[in-house]
Protein backbone atom coordinates (compact mmCIF):
# COMPACT_ATOMS: atom_id res chain seq x y z
CA MET A 1 48.73 -58.03 7.95
CA SER A 2 47.75 -55.48 4.82
CA THR A 3 45.15 -56.28 2.68
CA SER A 4 46.08 -53.41 0.16
CA THR A 5 47.52 -53.71 -3.22
CA GLY A 6 50.95 -52.32 -1.81
CA PRO A 7 53.36 -54.46 -0.04
CA GLN A 8 52.00 -56.61 2.48
CA THR A 9 53.08 -55.70 5.96
CA ARG A 10 54.13 -57.33 9.37
CA THR A 11 55.49 -56.13 12.45
CA TRP A 12 58.29 -58.10 14.12
CA VAL A 13 59.56 -57.42 17.84
CA TRP A 14 61.79 -60.02 20.30
CA PRO A 15 60.93 -62.18 21.52
CA ASP A 16 58.39 -63.22 18.95
CA PRO A 17 59.52 -67.03 17.17
CA GLU A 18 60.26 -65.14 14.03
CA VAL A 19 63.16 -63.11 15.67
CA THR A 20 64.47 -66.09 18.52
CA GLY A 21 64.58 -68.99 15.88
CA PRO A 22 67.38 -67.29 13.80
CA ALA A 23 68.82 -65.97 16.55
CA ALA A 24 69.27 -69.20 18.08
CA ALA A 25 70.42 -70.35 14.51
CA VAL A 26 73.99 -68.14 15.03
CA VAL A 27 74.48 -69.36 17.97
CA GLU A 28 74.10 -72.82 17.12
CA ALA A 29 76.03 -72.64 13.83
CA THR A 30 79.04 -69.78 14.65
CA PRO A 31 78.93 -68.56 11.33
CA LEU A 32 82.46 -66.74 9.98
CA VAL A 33 81.57 -63.57 8.54
CA HIS A 34 84.19 -61.88 6.53
CA CYS A 35 83.73 -57.97 7.04
CA LEU A 36 85.11 -55.49 4.59
CA THR A 37 84.11 -52.69 6.28
CA ASN A 38 85.15 -48.94 7.99
CA ILE A 39 88.14 -48.25 10.36
CA VAL A 40 85.88 -46.31 13.08
CA VAL A 41 83.87 -49.26 13.33
CA ALA A 42 85.61 -52.59 12.67
CA GLY A 43 86.49 -53.73 16.35
CA PHE A 44 82.90 -52.50 17.52
CA SER A 45 81.47 -54.54 14.47
CA ALA A 46 83.50 -57.51 15.80
CA ASN A 47 82.18 -57.19 18.94
CA VAL A 48 78.51 -56.97 18.23
CA LEU A 49 79.27 -60.27 16.38
CA LEU A 50 80.85 -62.07 18.98
CA ALA A 51 78.37 -61.35 21.25
CA ALA A 52 75.81 -62.82 18.88
CA GLY A 53 77.29 -65.98 18.60
CA ALA A 54 79.17 -65.27 15.07
CA SER A 55 82.95 -65.68 14.45
CA PRO A 56 83.67 -62.12 12.82
CA ALA A 57 87.06 -61.89 10.21
CA MET A 58 88.21 -58.63 8.69
CA VAL A 59 90.45 -59.69 5.54
CA GLU A 60 90.60 -56.46 3.85
CA ASN A 61 93.50 -57.41 1.63
CA ALA A 62 92.50 -57.39 -2.32
CA SER A 63 94.57 -60.69 -2.62
CA GLU A 64 92.95 -62.41 -0.12
CA ALA A 65 89.04 -60.80 -0.29
CA GLY A 66 88.26 -62.97 -2.89
CA PRO A 67 89.35 -66.69 -1.59
CA PHE A 68 88.12 -65.66 1.88
CA ALA A 69 84.34 -65.19 1.16
CA SER A 70 84.53 -68.75 -1.13
CA VAL A 71 85.09 -70.03 2.42
CA ALA A 72 82.87 -67.59 4.82
CA ALA A 73 79.18 -68.56 5.68
CA ALA A 74 78.36 -65.15 4.80
CA VAL A 75 80.32 -61.49 3.77
CA LEU A 76 79.74 -57.96 4.70
CA ILE A 77 80.80 -55.23 2.60
CA ASN A 78 80.35 -51.69 4.31
CA MET A 79 81.92 -48.54 1.91
CA GLY A 80 82.55 -46.47 4.56
CA THR A 81 86.43 -45.69 3.87
CA LEU A 82 87.32 -46.09 0.92
CA THR A 83 90.98 -46.85 -0.63
CA PRO A 84 92.01 -47.91 -4.03
CA GLU A 85 93.07 -51.77 -2.19
CA ILE A 86 89.81 -52.07 -0.26
CA GLU A 87 87.55 -51.31 -3.46
CA ARG A 88 89.54 -54.21 -5.36
CA ALA A 89 89.03 -56.30 -2.48
CA MET A 90 85.30 -55.35 -2.35
CA VAL A 91 84.73 -56.20 -6.11
CA ALA A 92 86.78 -59.62 -5.62
CA ALA A 93 84.83 -60.50 -2.35
CA ALA A 94 81.53 -59.96 -3.95
CA ALA A 95 82.52 -61.72 -7.18
CA ALA A 96 83.61 -64.67 -4.90
CA ALA A 97 80.96 -65.40 -2.92
CA GLY A 98 78.35 -64.81 -5.71
CA ASP A 99 80.28 -67.56 -7.39
CA ALA A 100 80.15 -69.44 -3.90
CA ALA A 101 76.75 -68.88 -3.70
CA THR A 102 77.59 -66.97 0.03
CA PRO A 103 75.27 -64.66 1.29
CA TRP A 104 76.49 -60.94 1.46
CA VAL A 105 75.46 -57.67 2.91
CA LEU A 106 75.82 -54.57 1.14
CA ASP A 107 76.02 -51.00 3.36
CA PRO A 108 76.46 -47.99 0.76
CA VAL A 109 77.34 -45.88 3.36
CA ALA A 110 77.35 -42.00 2.62
CA VAL A 111 76.12 -42.78 -1.21
CA GLY A 112 74.52 -40.21 -3.50
CA ALA A 113 76.88 -36.89 -2.68
CA LEU A 114 79.98 -37.99 -4.29
CA GLN A 115 80.17 -39.53 -7.72
CA HIS A 116 83.27 -42.31 -7.12
CA ARG A 117 81.66 -43.28 -4.45
CA SER A 118 78.19 -43.97 -5.53
CA ALA A 119 79.62 -45.44 -8.99
CA LEU A 120 81.02 -48.32 -6.68
CA ALA A 121 77.77 -48.94 -4.87
CA GLY A 122 75.97 -48.92 -8.11
CA GLU A 123 78.56 -51.39 -9.39
CA LEU A 124 78.38 -53.77 -6.27
CA ALA A 125 74.60 -53.54 -6.08
CA GLY A 126 74.42 -55.30 -9.87
CA MET A 127 76.54 -58.10 -8.04
CA GLY A 128 74.13 -60.00 -6.22
CA PRO A 129 73.86 -58.80 -2.71
CA ALA A 130 71.31 -61.12 -0.04
CA VAL A 131 70.70 -57.34 1.52
CA ILE A 132 71.15 -53.86 0.80
CA ARG A 133 70.82 -52.07 4.19
CA GLY A 134 71.11 -48.11 4.98
CA ASN A 135 69.30 -45.29 6.12
CA ALA A 136 66.73 -43.61 4.30
CA SER A 137 68.97 -41.09 2.58
CA GLU A 138 71.32 -44.07 1.26
CA ILE A 139 68.63 -46.12 0.36
CA GLN A 140 66.88 -43.36 -1.70
CA ALA A 141 70.02 -42.08 -3.75
CA LEU A 142 71.28 -45.76 -4.56
CA ALA A 143 67.48 -46.16 -5.68
CA GLY A 144 67.94 -43.15 -8.34
CA ALA A 145 65.68 -40.95 -6.00
CA GLY A 146 67.42 -38.70 -4.00
CA THR A 147 71.45 -37.40 -3.61
CA GLY A 148 72.35 -38.56 0.03
CA GLY A 149 72.29 -37.16 3.34
CA ARG A 150 75.07 -35.35 5.22
CA GLY A 151 77.49 -37.19 5.12
CA VAL A 152 77.01 -40.62 6.86
CA ASP A 153 73.85 -38.94 8.42
CA SER A 154 70.39 -39.15 6.56
CA THR A 155 67.86 -36.54 6.29
CA ALA A 156 64.86 -38.44 5.61
CA GLY A 157 63.17 -40.79 7.88
CA SER A 158 62.19 -44.48 7.02
CA HIS A 159 59.48 -44.74 5.74
CA GLU A 160 60.18 -41.58 3.06
CA ALA A 161 62.29 -44.47 1.82
CA LEU A 162 59.81 -46.97 1.34
CA ASP A 163 58.48 -46.29 -2.37
CA ALA A 164 62.62 -46.41 -3.01
CA ALA A 165 63.61 -49.43 -1.05
CA VAL A 166 60.36 -51.64 -2.95
CA ALA A 167 61.49 -50.20 -6.26
CA LEU A 168 65.47 -51.11 -5.62
CA ALA A 169 64.31 -54.69 -4.05
CA GLY A 170 62.35 -55.13 -7.33
CA ARG A 171 65.88 -53.57 -9.65
CA THR A 172 68.03 -56.01 -8.07
CA GLY A 173 66.72 -58.58 -6.76
CA SER A 174 67.84 -58.15 -3.20
CA VAL A 175 66.15 -57.42 0.13
CA VAL A 176 66.68 -54.03 1.22
CA ALA A 177 66.55 -52.49 4.86
CA VAL A 178 66.13 -48.88 5.65
CA SER A 179 67.28 -48.12 9.14
CA GLY A 180 65.43 -45.30 11.00
CA ALA A 181 63.12 -44.90 14.34
CA VAL A 182 60.96 -47.98 12.49
CA ASP A 183 63.38 -50.32 10.90
CA LEU A 184 61.63 -51.13 7.56
CA VAL A 185 62.94 -54.35 5.55
CA THR A 186 61.40 -55.55 2.04
CA ASP A 187 61.98 -58.11 -0.39
CA GLY A 188 59.82 -56.03 -2.75
CA SER A 189 56.46 -57.44 -2.01
CA GLN A 190 56.55 -57.83 1.58
CA VAL A 191 57.68 -55.32 4.33
CA ILE A 192 58.37 -55.92 7.82
CA GLU A 193 58.41 -53.02 10.19
CA VAL A 194 60.96 -53.12 13.03
CA PRO A 195 60.31 -50.89 16.04
CA GLY A 196 62.08 -50.27 19.27
CA GLY A 197 65.67 -49.31 19.67
CA ASP A 198 66.50 -45.56 21.62
CA VAL A 199 68.15 -42.70 20.72
CA LEU A 200 71.93 -43.30 22.28
CA MET A 201 72.11 -45.69 19.36
CA THR A 202 72.72 -42.95 16.91
CA ARG A 203 75.20 -41.35 19.61
CA VAL A 204 77.70 -44.15 19.26
CA THR A 205 79.68 -44.56 16.33
CA GLY A 206 79.26 -48.30 14.70
CA VAL A 207 75.73 -49.23 15.66
CA GLY A 208 74.47 -49.41 12.42
CA CYS A 209 76.98 -50.68 10.43
CA ALA A 210 77.07 -53.30 13.45
CA LEU A 211 73.38 -54.02 12.25
CA GLY A 212 74.81 -55.09 8.42
CA ALA A 213 77.21 -57.08 9.84
CA LEU A 214 74.97 -58.74 12.32
CA MET A 215 72.52 -59.20 9.13
CA ALA A 216 75.13 -61.01 7.61
CA ALA A 217 75.34 -63.57 10.44
CA PHE A 218 71.84 -64.09 10.27
CA ALA A 219 71.79 -65.28 6.56
CA GLY A 220 74.88 -67.07 7.09
CA ALA A 221 73.47 -68.99 9.71
CA GLY A 222 71.01 -70.49 7.04
CA THR A 223 68.31 -67.88 7.61
CA PRO A 224 66.29 -66.69 4.07
CA ALA A 225 67.07 -62.97 3.27
CA LEU A 226 64.27 -61.24 4.19
CA GLU A 227 63.86 -62.69 7.62
CA ALA A 228 67.65 -62.54 8.07
CA ALA A 229 67.63 -58.75 7.94
CA ALA A 230 64.59 -58.34 9.73
CA ALA A 231 65.41 -61.03 12.34
CA ALA A 232 68.68 -59.13 12.61
CA SER A 233 67.39 -55.19 13.09
CA ALA A 234 64.51 -56.96 15.94
CA MET A 235 67.29 -58.50 17.61
CA LEU A 236 69.42 -55.00 17.95
CA ALA A 237 66.33 -53.00 18.35
CA ALA A 238 65.44 -54.90 21.33
CA ALA A 239 69.21 -54.90 22.87
CA GLY A 240 69.22 -51.03 22.30
CA SER A 241 65.90 -50.69 24.48
CA ARG A 242 67.14 -52.91 27.17
CA ALA A 243 70.64 -51.17 27.27
CA ALA A 244 69.06 -47.45 27.56
CA LYS A 245 67.36 -48.03 30.55
CA GLY A 246 69.46 -46.37 33.41
CA ALA A 247 72.53 -45.69 30.91
CA PRO A 248 73.65 -42.57 31.59
CA GLY A 249 75.12 -41.84 28.43
CA PRO A 250 76.60 -43.02 25.07
CA GLY A 251 79.89 -44.89 27.07
CA THR A 252 77.87 -47.06 29.18
CA PHE A 253 75.01 -47.37 26.81
CA ALA A 254 77.77 -49.17 24.30
CA VAL A 255 78.74 -51.39 27.06
CA ARG A 256 75.56 -52.50 27.81
CA LEU A 257 74.80 -52.97 24.59
CA LEU A 258 76.73 -55.56 24.28
CA ASP A 259 76.07 -57.39 27.25
CA GLU A 260 72.57 -57.11 26.03
CA ILE A 261 72.95 -58.79 22.77
CA ALA A 262 74.57 -61.92 24.18
CA ALA A 263 71.62 -62.13 26.78
CA LEU A 264 69.63 -62.25 24.19
CA ALA A 265 71.41 -64.51 21.88
CA ALA A 266 71.63 -66.89 25.09
CA ALA A 267 68.03 -66.66 25.94
CA ALA A 268 66.89 -67.31 22.16
CA ARG A 269 69.05 -70.58 22.26
CA ARG A 270 66.94 -72.45 25.47
């Protein structure tokens, strides 16, 4: 553990008990995760949640999103593909989750370059998400320390965004998770580093978005936000490393990733 005056740093990897305990809690609780996510990744995110032992629901109607957020165990708000209808649904769900003390995760996809998207992300970040998860460029932009990446792709490494993540956590009171070659999760005073994974994870659409859903599931099973985000990251990193072994390409890898998440979830429960 770091003895510097900055945030204390530790490393989590599977199968450390800090990771397997929260994973087992998901299997035991089967949390209902309300996902307002983008059209590109909805199916994959649902399959990742099912593999981990959670129960996904994709309710995007603005009239239903608020009431459903009140009864779900957790909520994911992923800003990948915005429409006026889903924007209203996101704000309603965030407000209802706050009223019901339901943990929710904000994924500010592609924030920074577009003024409307950035304004909505700022509004949602001020509504009390338990976790804000993004790549390094997205976190820098949301923290006011950058202008965003290239579309959904980051142009910075995770450690380059650490200061921005710490500042954003301090300003919002949320845990901030930065995805990259090494994932970083911070509450402003602590930093958990999560190594692992594989480059094939960047060749399958929706892996990062599914991580946000997985973080919501871990929080919805009762694990505090910092540990939930870090444990979800460590589980996905371990599954990615295992799925990549012998995978000839991204198609096989995507299927194996779901299998490995399910295998890790089963192992955690034992």
